[in-house]
C-alpha cells in the first residue's frame, strides 16, 4: 500500500476507525454493565481483576481508535 493514502481513502479509513472505536466503546460499556450487575448480586467475590483489566485495556484501545479515526477523517497527520 502506498503511503500517504489518497484523501478519499484516508477519509474512508477514518470513518471505519470511528465506527469500530464507537462499537468497541459500546461493547465495553455493556460488558462493564454486566460486571456491575454481577457485583451488585454477588458482592466483591464476583469481581475478577483480570476481566476488569481486560475491559480497561479494550477501553483504552477504543479511545485510541476514535482518536486515530478523528484525525484521519479531518486530514491531520496521523503519525505520532
Protein backbone atom coordinates (compact mmCIF):
# COMPACT_ATOMS: atom_id res chain seq x y z
CA UNK A 1 0.00 0.00 0.00
CA UNK A 2 1.31 3.40 -0.89
CA UNK A 3 1.82 5.93 1.83
CA UNK A 4 0.37 8.50 2.33
CA UNK A 5 -3.12 7.41 1.41
CA UNK A 6 -5.21 9.35 -1.07
CA UNK A 7 -7.54 11.82 0.69
CA UNK A 8 -10.70 9.88 -0.20
CA UNK A 9 -9.20 6.63 1.08
CA UNK A 10 -7.94 8.36 4.21
CA UNK A 11 -11.46 9.67 4.95
CA UNK A 12 -12.90 6.18 4.46
CA UNK A 13 -10.29 4.69 6.80
CA UNK A 14 -11.11 7.43 9.29
CA UNK A 15 -14.82 6.59 9.17
CA UNK A 16 -14.07 2.90 9.65
CA UNK A 17 -11.87 3.60 12.67
CA UNK A 18 -14.55 5.88 14.13
CA UNK A 19 -17.20 3.20 13.64
CA UNK A 20 -15.01 0.44 15.09
CA UNK A 21 -13.99 2.59 18.05
CA UNK A 22 -17.59 3.56 18.79
CA UNK A 23 -18.76 -0.06 18.62
CA UNK A 24 -15.91 -1.17 20.87
CA UNK A 25 -16.75 1.56 23.41
CA UNK A 26 -20.37 0.44 23.32
CA UNK A 27 -19.37 -3.21 23.83
CA UNK A 28 -17.04 -2.39 26.71
CA UNK A 29 -19.72 -0.31 28.40
CA UNK A 30 -22.20 -3.18 28.10
CA UNK A 31 -19.59 -5.56 29.47
CA UNK A 32 -18.88 -3.26 32.41
CA UNK A 33 -22.62 -3.02 32.99
CA UNK A 34 -22.80 -6.80 33.30
CA UNK A 35 -19.82 -6.79 35.68
CA UNK A 36 -21.52 -4.11 37.79
CA UNK A 37 -24.76 -6.09 37.88
CA UNK A 38 -22.81 -9.19 38.94
CA UNK A 39 -21.09 -7.11 41.65
CA UNK A 40 -24.49 -5.98 42.93
CA UNK A 41 -25.76 -9.57 43.08
CA UNK A 42 -22.73 -11.47 44.38
CA UNK A 43 -20.58 -8.80 46.00
CA UNK A 44 -16.83 -8.37 45.77
CA UNK A 45 -16.33 -12.14 45.46
CA UNK A 46 -17.74 -11.96 41.93
CA UNK A 47 -15.14 -9.47 40.70
CA UNK A 48 -12.17 -10.77 38.78
CA UNK A 49 -9.26 -8.41 38.32
CA UNK A 50 -8.26 -9.99 35.01
CA UNK A 51 -11.64 -9.28 33.49
CA UNK A 52 -11.61 -5.68 34.72
CA UNK A 53 -8.08 -5.14 33.43
CA UNK A 54 -9.02 -6.53 30.02
CA UNK A 55 -12.06 -4.25 29.89
CA UNK A 56 -9.94 -1.20 30.72
CA UNK A 57 -7.36 -2.14 28.09
CA UNK A 58 -10.13 -2.52 25.50
CA UNK A 59 -11.50 0.89 26.51
CA UNK A 60 -8.07 2.47 26.00
CA UNK A 61 -7.77 0.77 22.60
CA UNK A 62 -11.23 2.03 21.63
CA UNK A 63 -10.33 5.59 22.59
CA UNK A 64 -7.13 5.37 20.56
CA UNK A 65 -9.13 4.09 17.58
CA UNK A 66 -11.54 7.01 17.94
CA UNK A 67 -8.62 9.45 18.11
CA UNK A 68 -6.94 7.98 15.04
CA UNK A 69 -10.22 7.90 13.12
CA UNK A 70 -10.99 11.50 14.00
CA UNK A 71 -7.56 12.67 12.92
CA UNK A 72 -7.66 10.64 9.70
CA UNK A 73 -11.13 11.95 8.92
CA UNK A 74 -10.06 15.56 9.41
CA UNK A 75 -6.97 15.09 7.23
CA UNK A 76 -4.48 15.73 10.02
CA UNK A 77 -1.18 13.90 10.28
CA UNK A 78 -1.89 10.55 11.96
CA UNK A 79 1.73 9.52 12.52
CA UNK A 80 2.80 10.31 16.08
